[in-house]
């Protein structure tokens, strides 16, 4: 094992995405400013102070902690994240918005506990798989534990409802199983079961079925269920090759729902065009490849698995956001990581990067060199 400083290239990629994200967020939020100055400064304060500043501090503090610390306390972290998620159902603590009960209010601070549940799941499942070692091919040590964990999480999230977060957690779990050595046939089998289960859920939930119909036929209800997708496509299309220019989006003022959140990629597409949007996508791809390199060079299975799970969470969420904005996937409402509104989600994401950077300090010695 060689000890070195953290992966500066990885941090550099994240820093560029964050800079792009802050400028894009401020520009997209001008649509809110046009309607309510107080709300604009409120979300700006939350994003910059809680998300960016608080998240940067959390990243530094977590980076200083040996990542193996999280393995020792994985069960309690996961249990704590479950208990935290249950708070959304406690009267006067949990509150609803847009027909979903996903938020907890502690005085002036509001947050979505599911952000902590995602990370808690990744850490605990990584700890479990690293403990089982060569037994993961055995159904009761690999596939069955994931099924049990997903069943527990489904019980928490479908009640809210929050189907999108469950999908992200399932994708991360399958990626971690694959890296742990579970054969592809089992991964495909689990994925098939997941698709069938989600298909059954869609058929029983009218709001999900409506989103699937909108995906299949974006023009079916332009003033209703298809409205957001229609306006998103108009925004991206009007950006053409190089965009209208920074801050010049028209759609964000009166047409795009949640331009600083669910529709922020559409604002980016309108202001920076195909060229700018492609550069942002390439940044996320670079983030993924560098992150997987850190996972591949980790000195132990826990480090490899926890980095794989975290990177998969971030990339799956980002690409689901982009795909739903351009009509390649049903609308999900997931934020664009490091860019969309959400002080708590940005704080948790940056804190999670501290774990990845700590793992990057320790890597396998290059072939042909002795371990130090």
Protein backbone atom coordinates (compact mmCIF):
# COMPACT_ATOMS: atom_id res chain seq x y z
CA UNK A 1 0.00 0.00 0.00
CA UNK A 2 1.23 3.47 -0.85
CA UNK A 3 0.22 6.53 1.12
CA UNK A 4 -0.15 9.82 -0.71
CA UNK A 5 -2.24 12.93 -0.70
CA UNK A 6 -5.84 12.79 -1.86
CA UNK A 7 -6.78 12.56 -5.53
CA UNK A 8 -6.43 16.18 -6.68
CA UNK A 9 -7.79 15.42 -10.15
CA UNK A 10 -11.02 14.08 -8.66
CA UNK A 11 -11.39 17.13 -6.39
CA UNK A 12 -10.64 19.38 -9.36
CA UNK A 13 -13.45 17.83 -11.41
CA UNK A 14 -15.87 18.25 -8.49
CA UNK A 15 -14.77 21.87 -8.04
CA UNK A 16 -15.47 22.69 -11.68
CA UNK A 17 -18.94 21.09 -11.47
CA UNK A 18 -19.62 23.08 -8.28
CA UNK A 19 -18.59 26.37 -9.91
CA UNK A 20 -20.80 25.64 -12.92
CA UNK A 21 -23.53 24.60 -10.51
CA UNK A 22 -23.48 27.79 -8.42
CA UNK A 23 -23.63 30.06 -11.48
CA UNK A 24 -26.38 27.93 -13.05
CA UNK A 25 -28.32 27.85 -9.78
CA UNK A 26 -28.18 31.63 -9.33
CA UNK A 27 -29.26 32.18 -12.93
CA UNK A 28 -32.12 29.66 -12.68
CA UNK A 29 -33.24 31.22 -9.39
CA UNK A 30 -33.81 34.58 -11.10
CA UNK A 31 -37.15 33.11 -12.12
CA UNK A 32 -37.99 32.93 -8.40
CA UNK A 33 -36.71 36.49 -7.83
CA UNK A 34 -39.18 37.78 -10.40
CA UNK A 35 -42.02 36.40 -8.26
CA UNK A 36 -40.74 36.74 -4.68
CA UNK A 37 -37.60 38.52 -3.54
CA UNK A 38 -37.85 37.03 -0.05
CA UNK A 39 -38.07 33.46 -1.40
CA UNK A 40 -35.13 34.10 -3.74
CA UNK A 41 -32.82 35.22 -0.96
CA UNK A 42 -34.09 32.39 1.23
CA UNK A 43 -33.16 29.63 -1.22
CA UNK A 44 -29.90 31.40 -2.11
CA UNK A 45 -28.96 31.62 1.57
CA UNK A 46 -29.84 27.94 2.08
CA UNK A 47 -27.87 26.78 -0.96
CA UNK A 48 -24.74 28.87 -0.34
CA UNK A 49 -24.54 28.87 3.45
CA UNK A 50 -25.91 25.43 4.37
CA UNK A 51 -25.12 23.55 1.16
CA UNK A 52 -21.86 24.95 -0.22
CA UNK A 53 -20.23 26.41 2.89
CA UNK A 54 -21.51 23.80 5.35
CA UNK A 55 -20.85 21.03 2.84
CA UNK A 56 -17.26 22.19 2.26
CA UNK A 57 -16.61 22.17 6.00
CA UNK A 58 -18.22 18.71 6.28
CA UNK A 59 -16.09 17.44 3.37
CA UNK A 60 -12.91 18.60 5.13
CA UNK A 61 -13.92 17.08 8.48
CA UNK A 62 -15.00 13.73 6.97
CA UNK A 63 -11.84 13.61 4.86
CA UNK A 64 -9.80 13.72 8.08
CA UNK A 65 -11.51 10.56 9.36
CA UNK A 66 -10.05 7.21 8.31
CA UNK A 67 -12.69 5.67 6.05
CA UNK A 68 -12.43 2.37 7.96
CA UNK A 69 -14.09 4.15 10.88
CA UNK A 70 -17.37 4.06 8.95
CA UNK A 71 -17.14 0.29 8.55
CA UNK A 72 -16.94 -0.19 12.32
CA UNK A 73 -20.07 1.87 12.89
CA UNK A 74 -21.97 0.95 9.70
CA UNK A 75 -24.91 -0.76 11.39
CA UNK A 76 -25.59 2.16 13.74
CA UNK A 77 -25.28 4.66 10.88
CA UNK A 78 -27.82 2.73 8.84
CA UNK A 79 -30.14 2.31 11.83
CA UNK A 80 -29.84 6.03 12.59
CA UNK A 81 -30.70 6.92 8.98
CA UNK A 82 -33.82 4.70 9.18
CA UNK A 83 -34.95 6.35 12.42
CA UNK A 84 -34.29 9.77 10.90
CA UNK A 85 -36.40 8.85 7.86
CA UNK A 86 -39.24 7.75 10.13
CA UNK A 87 -39.43 11.32 11.47
CA UNK A 88 -41.28 12.40 8.33
CA UNK A 89 -44.32 10.55 9.72
CA UNK A 90 -44.16 12.28 13.12
CA UNK A 91 -46.80 15.03 13.46
CA UNK A 92 -45.37 18.57 13.67
CA UNK A 93 -41.96 17.32 12.53
CA UNK A 94 -42.69 15.86 9.13
CA UNK A 95 -44.51 17.94 6.58
CA UNK A 96 -45.88 17.51 3.07
CA UNK A 97 -45.36 19.38 -0.16
CA UNK A 98 -46.82 18.59 -3.56
CA UNK A 99 -48.65 15.53 -2.23
CA UNK A 100 -45.54 13.90 -0.74
CA UNK A 101 -44.41 13.65 2.88
CA UNK A 102 -40.61 13.68 2.58
CA UNK A 103 -39.42 16.58 4.71
CA UNK A 104 -38.59 17.18 8.36
CA UNK A 105 -38.67 20.64 9.92
CA UNK A 106 -36.42 21.42 12.89
CA UNK A 107 -37.09 25.07 13.61
CA UNK A 108 -36.06 27.11 10.55
CA UNK A 109 -34.16 24.16 9.04
CA UNK A 110 -35.92 21.72 6.72
CA UNK A 111 -34.33 18.67 5.13
CA UNK A 112 -35.07 15.36 3.43
CA UNK A 113 -33.90 12.43 5.61
CA UNK A 114 -33.70 10.19 2.55
CA UNK A 115 -30.39 11.88 1.67
CA UNK A 116 -28.91 10.38 4.84
CA UNK A 117 -30.66 7.04 4.18
CA UNK A 118 -28.92 6.71 0.81
CA UNK A 119 -25.49 7.15 2.35
CA UNK A 120 -26.34 4.98 5.35
CA UNK A 121 -27.39 2.16 3.02
CA UNK A 122 -24.20 2.37 0.94
CA UNK A 123 -21.94 2.30 4.00
CA UNK A 124 -23.80 -0.58 5.65
CA UNK A 125 -24.11 -2.71 2.51
CA UNK A 126 -20.41 -2.10 1.72
CA UNK A 127 -19.53 -3.21 5.26
CA UNK A 128 -21.69 -6.33 4.91
CA UNK A 129 -20.27 -7.36 1.53
CA UNK A 130 -16.69 -6.78 2.69
CA UNK A 131 -17.39 -8.94 5.76
CA UNK A 132 -18.81 -11.84 3.73
CA UNK A 133 -15.78 -11.76 1.39
CA UNK A 134 -15.82 -14.93 -0.75
CA UNK A 135 -19.35 -15.89 0.28
CA UNK A 136 -21.19 -13.30 -1.82
CA UNK A 137 -21.98 -15.86 -4.53
CA UNK A 138 -24.05 -17.69 -1.92
CA UNK A 139 -27.66 -16.48 -2.15
CA UNK A 140 -28.02 -15.96 1.61
CA UNK A 141 -24.89 -13.80 1.84
CA UNK A 142 -25.22 -11.70 -1.31
CA UNK A 143 -28.65 -11.49 -2.95
CA UNK A 144 -30.85 -12.17 0.09
CA UNK A 145 -29.38 -9.39 2.29
CA UNK A 146 -29.94 -6.87 -0.52
CA UNK A 147 -33.54 -8.03 -0.93
CA UNK A 148 -34.14 -7.61 2.83
CA UNK A 149 -32.54 -4.15 2.90
CA UNK A 150 -34.52 -3.02 -0.15
CA UNK A 151 -37.74 -4.34 1.40
CA UNK A 152 -37.12 -2.27 4.54
CA UNK A 153 -36.29 0.82 2.50
CA UNK A 154 -39.32 0.29 0.24
CA UNK A 155 -41.56 0.24 3.30
CA UNK A 156 -40.18 3.64 4.32
CA UNK A 157 -40.11 5.31 0.91
CA UNK A 158 -43.25 4.07 -0.83
CA UNK A 159 -45.30 5.38 2.06
CA UNK A 160 -44.05 8.94 1.49
CA UNK A 161 -44.12 8.31 -1.59
CA UNK A 162 -40.55 8.54 -2.93
CA UNK A 163 -40.12 5.98 -5.70
CA UNK A 164 -37.17 7.76 -7.33
CA UNK A 165 -34.94 7.47 -4.25
CA UNK A 166 -35.74 3.76 -4.01
CA UNK A 167 -34.68 3.29 -7.65
CA UNK A 168 -31.38 5.07 -6.98
CA UNK A 169 -30.66 2.95 -3.90
CA UNK A 170 -31.48 -0.24 -5.82
CA UNK A 171 -29.12 0.74 -8.67
CA UNK A 172 -26.33 1.46 -6.17
CA UNK A 173 -26.92 -1.87 -4.44
CA UNK A 174 -26.74 -3.80 -7.71
CA UNK A 175 -23.51 -2.01 -8.69
CA UNK A 176 -21.96 -2.92 -5.33
CA UNK A 177 -23.04 -6.56 -5.74
CA UNK A 178 -21.40 -6.68 -9.15
CA UNK A 179 -18.12 -5.23 -7.85
CA UNK A 180 -18.16 -7.66 -4.92
CA UNK A 181 -17.98 -10.59 -7.33
CA UNK A 182 -21.60 -11.72 -7.69
CA UNK A 183 -22.06 -13.28 -11.17
CA UNK A 184 -23.74 -11.22 -13.87
CA UNK A 185 -26.63 -13.68 -14.17
CA UNK A 186 -27.68 -12.93 -10.60
CA UNK A 187 -27.39 -9.19 -11.19
CA UNK A 188 -29.60 -9.46 -14.27
CA UNK A 189 -32.03 -11.60 -12.32
CA UNK A 190 -32.27 -9.05 -9.51
CA UNK A 191 -32.62 -6.21 -12.03
CA UNK A 192 -35.42 -8.10 -13.82
CA UNK A 193 -37.26 -8.68 -10.54
CA UNK A 194 -36.84 -4.99 -9.72
CA UNK A 195 -38.23 -3.91 -13.10
CA UNK A 196 -41.24 -6.21 -12.72
CA UNK A 197 -41.87 -4.98 -9.17
CA UNK A 198 -41.64 -1.34 -10.24
CA UNK A 199 -43.90 -2.09 -13.20
CA UNK A 200 -46.49 -3.48 -10.80
CA UNK A 201 -46.11 -0.39 -8.61
CA UNK A 202 -46.66 1.89 -11.62
CA UNK A 203 -49.90 0.09 -12.45
CA UNK A 204 -51.21 0.64 -8.92
CA UNK A 205 -50.11 4.29 -8.54
CA UNK A 206 -52.00 6.72 -10.82
CA UNK A 207 -49.36 9.47 -10.57
CA UNK A 208 -46.64 7.06 -11.72
CA UNK A 209 -48.79 5.69 -14.53
CA UNK A 210 -49.48 9.24 -15.66
CA UNK A 211 -45.75 9.93 -15.88
CA UNK A 212 -45.20 6.81 -17.98
CA UNK A 213 -48.01 7.83 -20.35
CA UNK A 214 -46.44 11.29 -20.64
CA UNK A 215 -43.07 9.72 -21.41
CA UNK A 216 -44.56 7.55 -24.15
CA UNK A 217 -46.58 10.45 -25.60
CA UNK A 218 -45.15 13.87 -24.55
CA UNK A 219 -47.89 15.74 -26.43
CA UNK A 220 -50.86 13.98 -24.81
CA UNK A 221 -51.67 16.72 -22.28
CA UNK A 222 -49.56 19.85 -22.95
CA UNK A 223 -51.39 21.96 -20.37
CA UNK A 224 -51.46 19.23 -17.72
CA UNK A 225 -49.27 16.19 -17.09
CA UNK A 226 -47.05 16.89 -20.13
CA UNK A 227 -46.56 20.57 -19.31
CA UNK A 228 -43.20 20.33 -17.56
CA UNK A 229 -41.65 18.11 -20.23
CA UNK A 230 -43.02 20.30 -23.02
CA UNK A 231 -41.57 23.46 -21.47
CA UNK A 232 -38.27 21.71 -20.77
CA UNK A 233 -37.96 20.61 -24.40
CA UNK A 234 -38.82 24.13 -25.59
CA UNK A 235 -36.10 25.58 -23.34
CA UNK A 236 -33.44 23.12 -24.47
CA UNK A 237 -34.45 23.45 -28.13
CA UNK A 238 -34.31 27.24 -28.05
CA UNK A 239 -30.75 27.07 -26.75
CA UNK A 240 -29.65 25.57 -30.08
CA UNK A 241 -25.85 25.20 -30.43
CA UNK A 242 -24.35 27.79 -28.09
CA UNK A 243 -27.35 29.00 -26.10
CA UNK A 244 -28.94 32.37 -25.42
CA UNK A 245 -26.17 33.32 -22.99
CA UNK A 246 -25.70 33.23 -19.23
CA UNK A 247 -28.75 34.59 -17.40
CA UNK A 248 -30.75 34.97 -20.63
CA UNK A 249 -33.18 32.08 -20.23
CA UNK A 250 -36.78 33.05 -20.93
CA UNK A 251 -38.45 29.82 -19.86
CA UNK A 252 -37.28 30.11 -16.24
CA UNK A 253 -39.41 33.20 -15.58
CA UNK A 254 -42.93 32.02 -16.28
CA UNK A 255 -42.96 28.59 -17.84
CA UNK A 256 -40.60 26.05 -16.26
CA UNK A 257 -41.79 24.57 -12.96
CA UNK A 258 -39.00 24.60 -10.34
CA UNK A 259 -36.34 26.05 -12.69
CA UNK A 260 -33.77 26.01 -9.86
CA UNK A 261 -34.58 22.38 -9.02
CA UNK A 262 -36.32 19.76 -11.15
CA UNK A 263 -35.81 21.70 -14.40
CA UNK A 264 -32.34 23.20 -13.94
CA UNK A 265 -30.77 21.19 -16.77
CA UNK A 266 -33.35 22.71 -19.13
CA UNK A 267 -32.23 26.20 -18.03
CA UNK A 268 -28.60 25.19 -18.63
CA UNK A 269 -29.55 23.89 -22.08
CA UNK A 270 -31.33 27.14 -22.95
CA UNK A 271 -28.53 29.41 -21.75
CA UNK A 272 -25.49 27.39 -22.87
CA UNK A 273 -26.94 25.35 -25.72
CA UNK A 274 -25.89 21.93 -26.95
CA UNK A 275 -22.22 22.79 -26.53
CA UNK A 276 -22.49 23.82 -22.89
CA UNK A 277 -24.84 20.96 -21.98
CA UNK A 278 -22.46 18.44 -23.55
CA UNK A 279 -19.52 19.86 -21.60
CA UNK A 280 -21.47 19.45 -18.36
CA UNK A 281 -22.33 15.84 -19.22
CA UNK A 282 -18.65 15.20 -19.99
CA UNK A 283 -17.74 16.60 -16.57
CA UNK A 284 -20.08 14.08 -14.92
CA UNK A 285 -18.55 11.29 -17.02
CA UNK A 286 -15.07 12.40 -15.93
CA UNK A 287 -16.32 12.43 -12.33
CA UNK A 288 -17.57 8.86 -12.75
CA UNK A 289 -14.40 7.53 -14.40
CA UNK A 290 -12.07 9.15 -11.86
CA UNK A 291 -14.25 7.94 -9.01
CA UNK A 292 -14.21 4.39 -10.31
CA UNK A 293 -10.43 4.62 -10.64
CA UNK A 294 -10.28 5.45 -6.92
CA UNK A 295 -12.51 2.45 -6.22
CA UNK A 296 -10.33 0.18 -8.36
CA UNK A 297 -7.12 1.20 -6.58
CA UNK A 298 -8.56 0.97 -3.04
CA UNK A 299 -6.55 -1.24 -0.71
CA UNK A 300 -9.50 -3.18 0.71
CA UNK A 301 -12.94 -4.35 -0.35
CA UNK A 302 -14.79 -1.93 1.93
CA UNK A 303 -13.07 1.08 0.38
CA UNK A 304 -13.73 -0.26 -3.12
CA UNK A 305 -17.40 -0.97 -2.41
CA UNK A 306 -18.24 2.26 -0.56
CA UNK A 307 -16.71 4.39 -3.34
CA UNK A 308 -18.53 2.34 -5.98
CA UNK A 309 -21.84 2.81 -4.17
CA UNK A 310 -21.42 6.56 -3.68
CA UNK A 311 -20.26 7.26 -7.23
CA UNK A 312 -23.12 5.14 -8.60
CA UNK A 313 -25.65 7.08 -6.50
CA UNK A 314 -24.39 10.46 -7.73
CA UNK A 315 -24.09 9.47 -11.39
CA UNK A 316 -27.39 7.58 -11.56
CA UNK A 317 -29.19 10.55 -9.99
CA UNK A 318 -27.52 13.10 -12.30
CA UNK A 319 -28.23 11.15 -15.47
CA UNK A 320 -31.82 10.42 -14.41
CA UNK A 321 -32.29 14.17 -14.00
CA UNK A 322 -30.82 14.90 -17.41
CA UNK A 323 -32.71 12.06 -19.12
CA UNK A 324 -36.06 13.16 -17.66
CA UNK A 325 -35.44 16.75 -18.80
CA UNK A 326 -34.85 15.72 -22.40
CA UNK A 327 -37.60 13.09 -22.56
CA UNK A 328 -35.45 9.96 -22.47
CA UNK A 329 -36.90 8.82 -19.14
CA UNK A 330 -40.17 9.53 -17.30
CA UNK A 331 -40.10 12.60 -15.07
CA UNK A 332 -38.55 11.71 -11.74
CA UNK A 333 -38.05 15.00 -9.91
CA UNK A 334 -34.53 14.02 -8.83
CA UNK A 335 -32.14 16.98 -8.46
CA UNK A 336 -28.97 17.39 -10.51
CA UNK A 337 -26.15 16.58 -8.07
CA UNK A 338 -24.02 19.61 -7.05
CA UNK A 339 -26.26 21.92 -9.10
CA UNK A 340 -29.98 21.79 -8.20
CA UNK A 341 -31.59 23.48 -5.22
CA UNK A 342 -31.24 21.57 -1.96
CA UNK A 343 -28.94 22.77 0.81
CA UNK A 344 -29.15 19.50 2.74
CA UNK A 345 -28.59 17.29 -0.31
CA UNK A 346 -25.55 19.37 -1.33
CA UNK A 347 -24.16 19.21 2.22
CA UNK A 348 -24.57 15.41 2.39
CA UNK A 349 -23.11 14.95 -1.11
CA UNK A 350 -20.01 17.00 -0.27
CA UNK A 351 -19.58 15.21 3.06
CA UNK A 352 -19.73 11.90 1.18
CA UNK A 353 -16.95 13.09 -1.10
CA UNK A 354 -14.80 13.34 2.03
CA UNK A 355 -15.04 9.55 2.35
CA UNK A 356 -14.03 9.08 -1.29
CA UNK A 357 -11.06 11.44 -0.95
CA UNK A 358 -9.92 9.62 2.19
CA UNK A 359 -10.05 6.30 0.32
CA UNK A 360 -7.99 7.91 -2.46
CA UNK A 361 -5.14 8.58 0.03
CA UNK A 362 -4.44 4.86 0.15
CA UNK A 363 -3.97 2.91 -3.03
CA UNK A 364 -2.46 -0.33 -4.21
CA UNK A 365 1.22 -0.18 -5.02
CA UNK A 366 1.84 -0.16 -8.81
CA UNK A 367 2.70 -3.50 -10.40
CA UNK A 368 6.39 -4.27 -10.04
CA UNK A 369 6.88 -2.09 -6.96
CA UNK A 370 7.02 -3.34 -3.42
CA UNK A 371 4.34 -2.30 -0.96
CA UNK A 372 5.37 0.26 1.61
